Amino acid sequence: MCSCMAERKVKRLLGASEITPAFRQLGFKEFCIEGKPQAIKDAFECAKEYVADYEQIKDARKNSIGLLGQPGSGKTHLLTAVANELMRTRHVPVIYFPFVEGFTDLKNDFDLLEAKLNRMKQADVLFIDDLFKPVNGKPRATDWQLEQMYSVLNYRYLNHKPILLSSELTIETLVRVDEALGTRIYEMCSDYLVIIKGAAYELNHRLEGVR
């Protein structure tokens, strides 16, 4: 493929991904790990390793990556870097689904629901951001949201389709929210899974300088 055709293909992939234009610029080079806690360095290395291994694992059962835990620790940045790298260098289609905003849009327009869920099921790679984002410490997960997410994730589980997953919840909490869903997520992501725990002022980049 000539460079101009490759550039057009990448542009189409990025445009179809539903990742915002600003976030399409995020890569590993823009993520600073100097002086960061080990958990953040582990997440960085895990994300880079996932990209390197993608072609070998994409059809396997454990073909997905999960970055879980502390808000503000760079989970979304790193998984966006993974998505951008897959699209730019491997020409892999990725669909981005921000949990809170995505379900708000679907709830406000049920005509979109079937088509959107089908895209999420069929995408080569699905990036789910902030799954069940907590409100006042409690996971945000209505019965309707659980039903839709189970439908998507179970389809992808059965058909060995990769996910990129960020959440503030641990695997244990995801299992408590819904055991069938949580255990599938764990099985899919278990080879590329980092739980980021620790003091918020050390892990949350928005609190840098706060003690």
N, C-alpha and C. Protein backbone atom coordinates (compact mmCIF):
# COMPACT_ATOMS: atom_id res chain seq x y z
N MET A 1 0.84 -1.19 0.00
CA MET A 1 0.00 0.00 0.00
C MET A 1 0.89 1.25 0.00
N CYS A 2 0.64 2.18 -0.95
CA CYS A 2 1.45 3.38 -1.01
C CYS A 2 1.16 4.27 0.20
N SER A 3 2.08 5.18 0.47
CA SER A 3 1.96 5.99 1.69
C SER A 3 0.70 6.85 1.69
N CYS A 4 0.31 7.37 0.51
CA CYS A 4 -0.88 8.23 0.47
C CYS A 4 -2.14 7.43 0.76
N MET A 5 -2.22 6.20 0.24
CA MET A 5 -3.38 5.34 0.53
C MET A 5 -3.40 4.95 1.99
N ALA A 6 -2.23 4.65 2.55
CA ALA A 6 -2.15 4.30 3.96
C ALA A 6 -2.59 5.46 4.84
N GLU A 7 -2.19 6.66 4.47
CA GLU A 7 -2.59 7.84 5.24
C GLU A 7 -4.09 8.04 5.20
N ARG A 8 -4.69 7.83 4.03
CA ARG A 8 -6.14 7.98 3.91
C ARG A 8 -6.86 6.92 4.74
N LYS A 9 -6.32 5.70 4.73
CA LYS A 9 -6.94 4.64 5.52
C LYS A 9 -6.87 4.95 7.00
N VAL A 10 -5.72 5.42 7.47
CA VAL A 10 -5.58 5.79 8.88
C VAL A 10 -6.55 6.91 9.23
N LYS A 11 -6.67 7.89 8.35
CA LYS A 11 -7.59 9.01 8.60
C LYS A 11 -9.02 8.51 8.73
N ARG A 12 -9.41 7.57 7.87
CA ARG A 12 -10.76 6.99 7.95
C ARG A 12 -10.95 6.23 9.25
N LEU A 13 -9.96 5.44 9.63
CA LEU A 13 -10.05 4.66 10.87
C LEU A 13 -10.19 5.57 12.08
N LEU A 14 -9.36 6.61 12.13
CA LEU A 14 -9.42 7.54 13.25
C LEU A 14 -10.77 8.25 13.30
N GLY A 15 -11.28 8.66 12.14
CA GLY A 15 -12.56 9.34 12.10
C GLY A 15 -13.72 8.46 12.52
N ALA A 16 -13.64 7.17 12.17
CA ALA A 16 -14.72 6.24 12.51
C ALA A 16 -14.64 5.73 13.94
N SER A 17 -13.52 5.96 14.60
CA SER A 17 -13.29 5.37 15.94
C SER A 17 -14.13 6.01 17.04
N GLU A 18 -14.59 7.26 16.79
CA GLU A 18 -15.32 8.06 17.78
C GLU A 18 -14.42 8.55 18.92
N ILE A 19 -13.12 8.40 18.77
CA ILE A 19 -12.17 9.06 19.66
C ILE A 19 -12.10 10.52 19.24
N THR A 20 -12.10 11.44 20.20
CA THR A 20 -12.11 12.86 19.89
C THR A 20 -10.82 13.27 19.17
N PRO A 21 -10.88 14.32 18.34
CA PRO A 21 -9.67 14.76 17.63
C PRO A 21 -8.48 15.00 18.54
N ALA A 22 -8.71 15.61 19.71
CA ALA A 22 -7.59 15.87 20.62
C ALA A 22 -6.97 14.57 21.12
N PHE A 23 -7.82 13.58 21.44
CA PHE A 23 -7.30 12.32 21.97
C PHE A 23 -6.65 11.47 20.89
N ARG A 24 -6.96 11.74 19.61
CA ARG A 24 -6.30 11.01 18.53
C ARG A 24 -4.81 11.33 18.47
N GLN A 25 -4.41 12.40 19.14
CA GLN A 25 -3.00 12.80 19.15
C GLN A 25 -2.22 12.13 20.28
N LEU A 26 -2.91 11.47 21.20
CA LEU A 26 -2.24 10.89 22.36
C LEU A 26 -1.48 9.62 21.98
N GLY A 27 -0.24 9.56 22.43
CA GLY A 27 0.57 8.37 22.22
C GLY A 27 1.39 8.06 23.45
N PHE A 28 2.25 7.08 23.34
CA PHE A 28 3.10 6.72 24.48
C PHE A 28 4.15 7.81 24.75
N LYS A 29 4.56 8.52 23.69
CA LYS A 29 5.57 9.58 23.88
C LYS A 29 5.04 10.70 24.77
N GLU A 30 3.73 10.90 24.75
CA GLU A 30 3.14 11.99 25.54
C GLU A 30 2.87 11.59 26.99
N PHE A 31 3.15 10.35 27.34
CA PHE A 31 2.88 9.85 28.69
C PHE A 31 4.18 9.82 29.48
N CYS A 32 4.25 10.63 30.52
CA CYS A 32 5.48 10.74 31.32
C CYS A 32 5.44 9.76 32.49
N ILE A 33 6.47 8.91 32.58
CA ILE A 33 6.55 7.98 33.72
C ILE A 33 7.68 8.34 34.68
N GLU A 34 8.43 9.37 34.34
CA GLU A 34 9.55 9.76 35.20
C GLU A 34 9.05 10.20 36.57
N GLY A 35 9.57 9.56 37.61
CA GLY A 35 9.19 9.90 38.98
C GLY A 35 7.83 9.38 39.41
N LYS A 36 7.18 8.60 38.55
CA LYS A 36 5.85 8.08 38.86
C LYS A 36 5.96 6.79 39.69
N PRO A 37 4.89 6.46 40.46
CA PRO A 37 4.87 5.20 41.21
C PRO A 37 4.98 3.99 40.28
N GLN A 38 5.42 2.87 40.84
CA GLN A 38 5.64 1.67 40.05
C GLN A 38 4.37 1.20 39.36
N ALA A 39 3.21 1.37 40.00
CA ALA A 39 1.96 0.91 39.40
C ALA A 39 1.70 1.60 38.06
N ILE A 40 2.02 2.88 37.97
CA ILE A 40 1.82 3.61 36.72
C ILE A 40 2.85 3.16 35.68
N LYS A 41 4.07 2.92 36.11
CA LYS A 41 5.08 2.38 35.19
C LYS A 41 4.67 1.00 34.68
N ASP A 42 4.08 0.20 35.56
CA ASP A 42 3.61 -1.13 35.16
C ASP A 42 2.51 -1.02 34.10
N ALA A 43 1.59 -0.07 34.30
CA ALA A 43 0.51 0.13 33.34
C ALA A 43 1.06 0.56 31.98
N PHE A 44 2.05 1.44 32.01
CA PHE A 44 2.70 1.91 30.78
C PHE A 44 3.34 0.75 30.03
N GLU A 45 4.10 -0.07 30.74
CA GLU A 45 4.78 -1.21 30.10
C GLU A 45 3.77 -2.23 29.60
N CYS A 46 2.71 -2.45 30.36
CA CYS A 46 1.67 -3.40 29.95
C CYS A 46 1.01 -2.95 28.65
N ALA A 47 0.71 -1.66 28.56
CA ALA A 47 0.07 -1.13 27.35
C ALA A 47 0.98 -1.28 26.13
N LYS A 48 2.27 -0.97 26.29
CA LYS A 48 3.20 -1.12 25.18
C LYS A 48 3.37 -2.59 24.78
N GLU A 49 3.42 -3.45 25.78
CA GLU A 49 3.55 -4.88 25.51
C GLU A 49 2.33 -5.40 24.76
N TYR A 50 1.15 -4.90 25.12
CA TYR A 50 -0.07 -5.34 24.45
C TYR A 50 -0.01 -5.01 22.95
N VAL A 51 0.40 -3.79 22.63
CA VAL A 51 0.51 -3.41 21.22
C VAL A 51 1.49 -4.32 20.50
N ALA A 52 2.63 -4.57 21.13
CA ALA A 52 3.66 -5.42 20.50
C ALA A 52 3.15 -6.84 20.26
N ASP A 53 2.30 -7.33 21.17
CA ASP A 53 1.83 -8.72 21.10
C ASP A 53 0.54 -8.88 20.31
N TYR A 54 -0.09 -7.79 19.92
CA TYR A 54 -1.47 -7.84 19.42
C TYR A 54 -1.67 -8.86 18.30
N GLU A 55 -0.83 -8.86 17.30
CA GLU A 55 -1.03 -9.75 16.16
C GLU A 55 -1.00 -11.22 16.58
N GLN A 56 -0.21 -11.55 17.59
CA GLN A 56 -0.09 -12.94 18.04
C GLN A 56 -1.26 -13.37 18.92
N ILE A 57 -1.89 -12.42 19.61
CA ILE A 57 -2.91 -12.78 20.60
C ILE A 57 -4.33 -12.42 20.19
N LYS A 58 -4.51 -11.71 19.10
CA LYS A 58 -5.81 -11.10 18.80
C LYS A 58 -6.95 -12.11 18.70
N ASP A 59 -6.65 -13.35 18.34
CA ASP A 59 -7.70 -14.37 18.20
C ASP A 59 -7.76 -15.33 19.39
N ALA A 60 -6.94 -15.07 20.40
CA ALA A 60 -6.90 -15.96 21.57
C ALA A 60 -8.00 -15.59 22.56
N ARG A 61 -8.20 -16.43 23.56
CA ARG A 61 -9.15 -16.13 24.61
C ARG A 61 -8.69 -14.92 25.42
N LYS A 62 -7.41 -14.90 25.79
CA LYS A 62 -6.87 -13.80 26.62
C LYS A 62 -6.23 -12.76 25.71
N ASN A 63 -7.10 -12.07 24.96
CA ASN A 63 -6.62 -11.16 23.91
C ASN A 63 -6.88 -9.69 24.23
N SER A 64 -7.19 -9.38 25.48
CA SER A 64 -7.65 -8.04 25.84
C SER A 64 -6.77 -7.44 26.93
N ILE A 65 -6.96 -6.14 27.19
CA ILE A 65 -6.18 -5.44 28.21
C ILE A 65 -7.11 -4.66 29.12
N GLY A 66 -6.83 -4.70 30.43
CA GLY A 66 -7.60 -3.95 31.40
C GLY A 66 -6.68 -3.13 32.30
N LEU A 67 -6.93 -1.84 32.37
CA LEU A 67 -6.24 -0.96 33.32
C LEU A 67 -7.29 -0.45 34.29
N LEU A 68 -7.15 -0.84 35.55
CA LEU A 68 -8.19 -0.60 36.54
C LEU A 68 -7.64 0.17 37.73
N GLY A 69 -8.55 0.85 38.45
CA GLY A 69 -8.15 1.47 39.70
C GLY A 69 -8.20 2.98 39.71
N GLN A 70 -7.25 3.57 40.39
CA GLN A 70 -7.20 4.99 40.74
C GLN A 70 -7.56 5.93 39.58
N PRO A 71 -8.56 6.82 39.79
CA PRO A 71 -8.85 7.83 38.77
C PRO A 71 -7.68 8.79 38.62
N GLY A 72 -7.52 9.31 37.41
CA GLY A 72 -6.46 10.29 37.17
C GLY A 72 -5.07 9.71 37.04
N SER A 73 -4.97 8.39 36.94
CA SER A 73 -3.65 7.75 36.89
C SER A 73 -3.16 7.51 35.46
N GLY A 74 -3.95 7.90 34.48
CA GLY A 74 -3.52 7.77 33.09
C GLY A 74 -4.06 6.58 32.35
N LYS A 75 -5.06 5.91 32.91
CA LYS A 75 -5.61 4.71 32.26
C LYS A 75 -6.15 5.04 30.87
N THR A 76 -6.95 6.10 30.79
CA THR A 76 -7.55 6.46 29.51
C THR A 76 -6.47 6.88 28.51
N HIS A 77 -5.50 7.65 28.96
CA HIS A 77 -4.40 8.07 28.06
C HIS A 77 -3.70 6.84 27.49
N LEU A 78 -3.35 5.90 28.35
CA LEU A 78 -2.60 4.73 27.88
C LEU A 78 -3.41 3.87 26.92
N LEU A 79 -4.68 3.66 27.22
CA LEU A 79 -5.49 2.83 26.33
C LEU A 79 -5.80 3.57 25.04
N THR A 80 -5.91 4.89 25.10
CA THR A 80 -6.06 5.67 23.87
C THR A 80 -4.80 5.55 23.03
N ALA A 81 -3.64 5.56 23.68
CA ALA A 81 -2.38 5.36 22.96
C ALA A 81 -2.35 3.99 22.29
N VAL A 82 -2.84 2.98 23.00
CA VAL A 82 -2.94 1.64 22.40
C VAL A 82 -3.84 1.69 21.16
N ALA A 83 -5.03 2.28 21.32
CA ALA A 83 -5.98 2.35 20.20
C ALA A 83 -5.37 3.10 19.02
N ASN A 84 -4.77 4.25 19.28
CA ASN A 84 -4.18 5.04 18.20
C ASN A 84 -3.05 4.28 17.50
N GLU A 85 -2.24 3.58 18.28
CA GLU A 85 -1.14 2.81 17.70
C GLU A 85 -1.67 1.68 16.83
N LEU A 86 -2.71 1.00 17.29
CA LEU A 86 -3.29 -0.09 16.49
C LEU A 86 -3.84 0.44 15.18
N MET A 87 -4.50 1.60 15.23
CA MET A 87 -5.06 2.17 14.01
C MET A 87 -3.98 2.71 13.08
N ARG A 88 -2.99 3.41 13.64
CA ARG A 88 -1.98 4.08 12.81
C ARG A 88 -0.96 3.11 12.21
N THR A 89 -0.54 2.12 12.98
CA THR A 89 0.55 1.25 12.51
C THR A 89 0.08 -0.13 12.06
N ARG A 90 -1.08 -0.58 12.55
CA ARG A 90 -1.57 -1.92 12.17
C ARG A 90 -2.84 -1.85 11.32
N HIS A 91 -3.41 -0.65 11.20
CA HIS A 91 -4.65 -0.43 10.45
C HIS A 91 -5.80 -1.28 11.00
N VAL A 92 -5.83 -1.38 12.33
CA VAL A 92 -6.88 -2.15 13.01
C VAL A 92 -8.03 -1.21 13.37
N PRO A 93 -9.27 -1.48 12.94
CA PRO A 93 -10.39 -0.64 13.34
C PRO A 93 -10.68 -0.75 14.84
N VAL A 94 -10.88 0.40 15.47
CA VAL A 94 -11.19 0.47 16.90
C VAL A 94 -12.43 1.35 17.08
N ILE A 95 -13.33 0.94 17.95
CA ILE A 95 -14.48 1.76 18.32
C ILE A 95 -14.34 2.15 19.79
N TYR A 96 -14.50 3.44 20.07
CA TYR A 96 -14.40 3.98 21.43
C TYR A 96 -15.79 4.16 22.02
N PHE A 97 -15.98 3.66 23.25
CA PHE A 97 -17.27 3.81 23.93
C PHE A 97 -17.03 4.31 25.35
N PRO A 98 -17.25 5.62 25.60
CA PRO A 98 -17.15 6.14 26.97
C PRO A 98 -18.43 5.77 27.72
N PHE A 99 -18.31 5.00 28.79
CA PHE A 99 -19.46 4.37 29.42
C PHE A 99 -20.56 5.38 29.78
N VAL A 100 -20.22 6.43 30.51
CA VAL A 100 -21.25 7.36 30.99
C VAL A 100 -21.89 8.11 29.82
N GLU A 101 -21.07 8.77 29.02
CA GLU A 101 -21.60 9.56 27.91
C GLU A 101 -22.28 8.68 26.87
N GLY A 102 -21.70 7.51 26.63
CA GLY A 102 -22.26 6.62 25.63
C GLY A 102 -23.66 6.16 25.98
N PHE A 103 -23.87 5.77 27.22
CA PHE A 103 -25.21 5.32 27.61
C PHE A 103 -26.19 6.48 27.74
N THR A 104 -25.71 7.66 28.07
CA THR A 104 -26.59 8.83 28.08
C THR A 104 -27.12 9.09 26.68
N ASP A 105 -26.24 9.02 25.68
CA ASP A 105 -26.67 9.23 24.29
C ASP A 105 -27.66 8.16 23.85
N LEU A 106 -27.40 6.91 24.21
CA LEU A 106 -28.28 5.82 23.79
C LEU A 106 -29.64 5.91 24.47
N LYS A 107 -29.64 6.31 25.74
CA LYS A 107 -30.90 6.42 26.47
C LYS A 107 -31.76 7.52 25.90
N ASN A 108 -31.11 8.55 25.36
CA ASN A 108 -31.85 9.68 24.80
C ASN A 108 -32.29 9.44 23.36
N ASP A 109 -31.81 8.38 22.75
CA ASP A 109 -32.18 8.09 21.36
C ASP A 109 -32.16 6.58 21.15
N PHE A 110 -33.27 5.94 21.49
CA PHE A 110 -33.34 4.48 21.40
C PHE A 110 -33.22 3.99 19.96
N ASP A 111 -33.48 4.89 18.99
CA ASP A 111 -33.32 4.49 17.59
C ASP A 111 -31.88 4.12 17.27
N LEU A 112 -30.95 4.70 18.05
CA LEU A 112 -29.53 4.41 17.84
C LEU A 112 -29.10 3.08 18.45
N LEU A 113 -29.89 2.58 19.39
CA LEU A 113 -29.42 1.51 20.27
C LEU A 113 -28.98 0.27 19.51
N GLU A 114 -29.84 -0.28 18.68
CA GLU A 114 -29.52 -1.55 18.02
C GLU A 114 -28.30 -1.41 17.12
N ALA A 115 -28.25 -0.33 16.34
CA ALA A 115 -27.11 -0.13 15.44
C ALA A 115 -25.82 0.07 16.22
N LYS A 116 -25.89 0.84 17.31
CA LYS A 116 -24.69 1.10 18.11
C LYS A 116 -24.18 -0.17 18.77
N LEU A 117 -25.08 -0.93 19.38
CA LEU A 117 -24.67 -2.17 20.03
C LEU A 117 -24.09 -3.15 19.03
N ASN A 118 -24.65 -3.18 17.83
CA ASN A 118 -24.11 -4.08 16.81
C ASN A 118 -22.69 -3.66 16.41
N ARG A 119 -22.45 -2.35 16.29
CA ARG A 119 -21.10 -1.88 15.98
C ARG A 119 -20.13 -2.27 17.10
N MET A 120 -20.58 -2.15 18.34
CA MET A 120 -19.73 -2.49 19.47
C MET A 120 -19.42 -3.99 19.49
N LYS A 121 -20.37 -4.79 19.07
CA LYS A 121 -20.14 -6.24 19.02
C LYS A 121 -19.18 -6.61 17.89
N GLN A 122 -19.34 -5.98 16.76
CA GLN A 122 -18.61 -6.41 15.56
C GLN A 122 -17.24 -5.77 15.39
N ALA A 123 -16.97 -4.68 16.08
CA ALA A 123 -15.70 -3.97 15.91
C ALA A 123 -14.51 -4.90 16.13
N ASP A 124 -13.46 -4.71 15.34
CA ASP A 124 -12.25 -5.51 15.55
C ASP A 124 -11.75 -5.37 16.98
N VAL A 125 -11.71 -4.11 17.47
CA VAL A 125 -11.32 -3.83 18.85
C VAL A 125 -12.31 -2.83 19.43
N LEU A 126 -12.78 -3.09 20.64
CA LEU A 126 -13.70 -2.19 21.34
C LEU A 126 -13.00 -1.61 22.56
N PHE A 127 -12.98 -0.30 22.65
CA PHE A 127 -12.37 0.42 23.77
C PHE A 127 -13.49 0.95 24.66
N ILE A 128 -13.66 0.34 25.83
CA ILE A 128 -14.68 0.76 26.80
C ILE A 128 -13.98 1.57 27.89
N ASP A 129 -14.36 2.82 28.02
CA ASP A 129 -13.69 3.74 28.94
C ASP A 129 -14.57 4.02 30.16
N ASP A 130 -14.00 3.84 31.35
CA ASP A 130 -14.67 4.15 32.62
C ASP A 130 -15.91 3.29 32.87
N LEU A 131 -15.77 1.99 32.68
CA LEU A 131 -16.89 1.07 32.89
C LEU A 131 -17.43 1.20 34.31
N PHE A 132 -18.76 1.37 34.42
CA PHE A 132 -19.47 1.47 35.70
C PHE A 132 -18.86 2.54 36.61
N LYS A 133 -18.50 3.68 36.03
CA LYS A 133 -17.85 4.76 36.79
C LYS A 133 -18.63 5.05 38.06
N PRO A 134 -17.97 4.98 39.23
CA PRO A 134 -18.69 5.15 40.50
C PRO A 134 -19.25 6.56 40.70
N VAL A 135 -20.35 6.63 41.42
CA VAL A 135 -20.93 7.89 41.90
C VAL A 135 -21.01 7.80 43.41
N ASN A 136 -20.35 8.71 44.09
CA ASN A 136 -20.30 8.67 45.56
C ASN A 136 -19.82 7.32 46.08
N GLY A 137 -18.85 6.75 45.36
CA GLY A 137 -18.24 5.50 45.79
C GLY A 137 -18.97 4.25 45.37
N LYS A 138 -20.15 4.40 44.73
CA LYS A 138 -20.93 3.23 44.32
C LYS A 138 -20.90 3.08 42.80
N PRO A 139 -20.67 1.86 42.30
CA PRO A 139 -20.63 1.65 40.85
C PRO A 139 -21.92 2.10 40.18
N ARG A 140 -21.77 2.77 39.04
CA ARG A 140 -22.92 3.22 38.27
C ARG A 140 -23.30 2.10 37.31
N ALA A 141 -24.35 1.36 37.66
CA ALA A 141 -24.72 0.21 36.83
C ALA A 141 -26.20 -0.09 37.01
N THR A 142 -27.04 0.45 36.13
CA THR A 142 -28.46 0.13 36.17
C THR A 142 -28.69 -1.24 35.54
N ASP A 143 -29.85 -1.81 35.80
CA ASP A 143 -30.16 -3.11 35.20
C ASP A 143 -30.11 -3.02 33.67
N TRP A 144 -30.59 -1.91 33.14
CA TRP A 144 -30.59 -1.74 31.69
C TRP A 144 -29.17 -1.67 31.15
N GLN A 145 -28.30 -0.91 31.81
CA GLN A 145 -26.90 -0.83 31.39
C GLN A 145 -26.21 -2.20 31.47
N LEU A 146 -26.48 -2.92 32.55
CA LEU A 146 -25.89 -4.25 32.70
C LEU A 146 -26.35 -5.18 31.57
N GLU A 147 -27.62 -5.10 31.23
CA GLU A 147 -28.15 -5.94 30.16
C GLU A 147 -27.45 -5.65 28.83
N GLN A 148 -27.28 -4.36 28.52
CA GLN A 148 -26.64 -4.00 27.26
C GLN A 148 -25.15 -4.37 27.25
N MET A 149 -24.46 -4.09 28.37
CA MET A 149 -23.03 -4.40 28.42
C MET A 149 -22.80 -5.91 28.38
N TYR A 150 -23.66 -6.66 29.04
CA TYR A 150 -23.50 -8.12 28.99
C TYR A 150 -23.69 -8.63 27.56
N SER A 151 -24.68 -8.07 26.88
CA SER A 151 -24.93 -8.48 25.50
C SER A 151 -23.70 -8.26 24.63
N VAL A 152 -23.08 -7.09 24.78
CA VAL A 152 -21.89 -6.76 23.98
C VAL A 152 -20.70 -7.61 24.38
N LEU A 153 -20.41 -7.65 25.68
CA LEU A 153 -19.20 -8.33 26.13
C LEU A 153 -19.30 -9.84 25.99
N ASN A 154 -20.48 -10.39 26.19
CA ASN A 154 -20.62 -11.84 26.01
C ASN A 154 -20.42 -12.22 24.54
N TYR A 155 -20.94 -11.40 23.64
CA TYR A 155 -20.72 -11.66 22.21
C TYR A 155 -19.23 -11.64 21.89
N ARG A 156 -18.55 -10.63 22.41
CA ARG A 156 -17.12 -10.51 22.13
C ARG A 156 -16.34 -11.65 22.80
N TYR A 157 -16.75 -12.04 23.98
CA TYR A 157 -16.12 -13.16 24.67
C TYR A 157 -16.26 -14.45 23.86
N LEU A 158 -17.47 -14.72 23.39
CA LEU A 158 -17.72 -15.96 22.65
C LEU A 158 -16.99 -15.97 21.30
N ASN A 159 -16.80 -14.79 20.73
CA ASN A 159 -16.20 -14.71 19.39
C ASN A 159 -14.74 -14.25 19.41
N HIS A 160 -14.13 -14.25 20.60
CA HIS A 160 -12.71 -13.93 20.76
C HIS A 160 -12.36 -12.57 20.13
N LYS A 161 -13.15 -11.56 20.46
CA LYS A 161 -12.90 -10.21 19.95
C LYS A 161 -12.33 -9.36 21.07
N PRO A 162 -11.19 -8.70 20.86
CA PRO A 162 -10.50 -7.99 21.94
C PRO A 162 -11.23 -6.75 22.44
N ILE A 163 -11.00 -6.44 23.72
CA ILE A 163 -11.45 -5.18 24.31
C ILE A 163 -10.26 -4.48 24.96
N LEU A 164 -10.34 -3.16 24.98
CA LEU A 164 -9.47 -2.32 25.79
C LEU A 164 -10.37 -1.74 26.86
N LEU A 165 -10.08 -1.98 28.13
CA LEU A 165 -11.01 -1.63 29.20
C LEU A 165 -10.35 -0.79 30.27
N SER A 166 -10.97 0.35 30.59
CA SER A 166 -10.56 1.11 31.77
C SER A 166 -11.74 1.19 32.73
N SER A 167 -11.43 1.15 34.01
CA SER A 167 -12.46 1.29 35.05
C SER A 167 -11.79 1.65 36.36
N GLU A 168 -12.50 2.41 37.18
CA GLU A 168 -12.00 2.68 38.53
C GLU A 168 -12.22 1.49 39.46
N LEU A 169 -12.99 0.51 39.00
CA LEU A 169 -13.33 -0.65 39.83
C LEU A 169 -12.29 -1.75 39.68
N THR A 170 -12.07 -2.49 40.75
CA THR A 170 -11.21 -3.67 40.69
C THR A 170 -11.99 -4.84 40.11
N ILE A 171 -11.29 -5.91 39.79
CA ILE A 171 -11.96 -7.11 39.30
C ILE A 171 -12.96 -7.62 40.33
N GLU A 172 -12.57 -7.60 41.61
CA GLU A 172 -13.48 -8.08 42.66
C GLU A 172 -14.78 -7.29 42.67
N THR A 173 -14.68 -5.97 42.50
CA THR A 173 -15.88 -5.15 42.49
C THR A 173 -16.70 -5.38 41.23
N LEU A 174 -16.03 -5.53 40.10
CA LEU A 174 -16.75 -5.83 38.86
C LEU A 174 -17.53 -7.14 38.99
N VAL A 175 -16.93 -8.12 39.64
CA VAL A 175 -17.62 -9.40 39.85
C VAL A 175 -18.82 -9.22 40.77
N ARG A 176 -18.69 -8.36 41.78
CA ARG A 176 -19.83 -8.10 42.66
C ARG A 176 -20.96 -7.39 41.93
N VAL A 177 -20.60 -6.51 41.01
CA VAL A 177 -21.63 -5.82 40.22
C VAL A 177 -22.40 -6.82 39.37
N ASP A 178 -21.67 -7.70 38.68
CA ASP A 178 -22.30 -8.75 37.88
C ASP A 178 -21.28 -9.86 37.68
N GLU A 179 -21.53 -11.00 38.28
CA GLU A 179 -20.53 -12.07 38.28
C GLU A 179 -20.22 -12.57 36.88
N ALA A 180 -21.25 -12.78 36.07
CA ALA A 180 -21.01 -13.30 34.72
C ALA A 180 -20.18 -12.32 33.90
N LEU A 181 -20.49 -11.05 34.02
CA LEU A 181 -19.76 -10.02 33.28
C LEU A 181 -18.33 -9.88 33.81
N GLY A 182 -18.20 -9.78 35.13
CA GLY A 182 -16.89 -9.58 35.73
C GLY A 182 -15.93 -10.72 35.46
N THR A 183 -16.42 -11.94 35.53
CA THR A 183 -15.53 -13.09 35.30
C THR A 183 -15.11 -13.18 33.83
N ARG A 184 -15.98 -12.79 32.92
CA ARG A 184 -15.60 -12.78 31.50
C ARG A 184 -14.53 -11.72 31.25
N ILE A 185 -14.72 -10.54 31.84
CA ILE A 185 -13.71 -9.49 31.70
C ILE A 185 -12.37 -9.97 32.23
N TYR A 186 -12.39 -10.60 33.40
CA TYR A 186 -11.13 -11.07 33.98
C TYR A 186 -10.45 -12.09 33.07
N GLU A 187 -11.23 -13.03 32.56
CA GLU A 187 -10.62 -14.06 31.71
C GLU A 187 -10.03 -13.45 30.44
N MET A 188 -10.73 -12.49 29.85
CA MET A 188 -10.25 -11.87 28.62
C MET A 188 -9.00 -11.03 28.84
N CYS A 189 -8.93 -10.35 30.00
CA CYS A 189 -7.85 -9.38 30.25
C CYS A 189 -6.72 -9.90 31.13
N SER A 190 -6.82 -11.13 31.59
CA SER A 190 -5.93 -11.57 32.67
C SER A 190 -4.45 -11.56 32.32
N ASP A 191 -4.10 -11.67 31.04
CA ASP A 191 -2.68 -11.63 30.65
C ASP A 191 -2.14 -10.21 30.55
N TYR A 192 -3.04 -9.23 30.45
CA TYR A 192 -2.64 -7.82 30.33
C TYR A 192 -3.54 -7.01 31.26
N LEU A 193 -3.29 -7.14 32.54
CA LEU A 193 -4.16 -6.54 33.55
C LEU A 193 -3.31 -5.85 34.62
N VAL A 194 -3.59 -4.57 34.86
CA VAL A 194 -2.90 -3.83 35.91
C VAL A 194 -3.95 -3.15 36.78
N ILE A 195 -3.83 -3.35 38.09
CA ILE A 195 -4.68 -2.67 39.07
C ILE A 195 -3.84 -1.57 39.71
N ILE A 196 -4.25 -0.34 39.54
CA ILE A 196 -3.49 0.81 40.05
C ILE A 196 -4.08 1.23 41.39
N LYS A 197 -3.34 0.96 42.46
CA LYS A 197 -3.79 1.28 43.81
C LYS A 197 -2.72 2.10 44.53
N GLY A 198 -3.17 2.90 45.50
CA GLY A 198 -2.22 3.68 46.30
C GLY A 198 -2.82 5.00 46.70
N ALA A 199 -1.97 5.89 47.19
CA ALA A 199 -2.41 7.21 47.64
C ALA A 199 -2.80 8.06 46.43
N ALA A 200 -3.97 8.70 46.51
CA ALA A 200 -4.47 9.49 45.39
C ALA A 200 -3.49 10.57 44.98
N TYR A 201 -2.87 11.24 45.97
CA TYR A 201 -1.98 12.35 45.61
C TYR A 201 -0.72 11.88 44.90
N GLU A 202 -0.40 10.58 44.99
CA GLU A 202 0.75 10.04 44.27
C GLU A 202 0.37 9.54 42.88
N LEU A 203 -0.87 9.09 42.73
CA LEU A 203 -1.29 8.43 41.49
C LEU A 203 -2.11 9.31 40.56
N ASN A 204 -2.84 10.27 41.12
CA ASN A 204 -3.73 11.11 40.32
C ASN A 204 -2.95 12.33 39.84
N HIS A 205 -2.72 12.40 38.53
CA HIS A 205 -1.91 13.51 37.99
C HIS A 205 -2.56 14.86 38.23
N ARG A 206 -3.88 14.86 38.45
CA ARG A 206 -4.57 16.13 38.70
C ARG A 206 -4.29 16.66 40.11
N LEU A 207 -3.71 15.80 40.96
CA LEU A 207 -3.40 16.21 42.33
C LEU A 207 -1.90 16.40 42.55
N GLU A 208 -1.15 16.51 41.48
CA GLU A 208 0.29 16.69 41.63
C GLU A 208 0.58 17.96 42.43
N GLY A 209 1.46 17.83 43.42
CA GLY A 209 1.80 18.96 44.28
C GLY A 209 0.95 19.06 45.52
N VAL A 210 -0.10 18.21 45.61
CA VAL A 210 -0.98 18.23 46.79
C VAL A 210 -0.49 17.20 47.79
N ARG A 211 -0.34 17.61 49.03
CA ARG A 211 0.07 16.69 50.09
C ARG A 211 -0.79 16.94 51.33
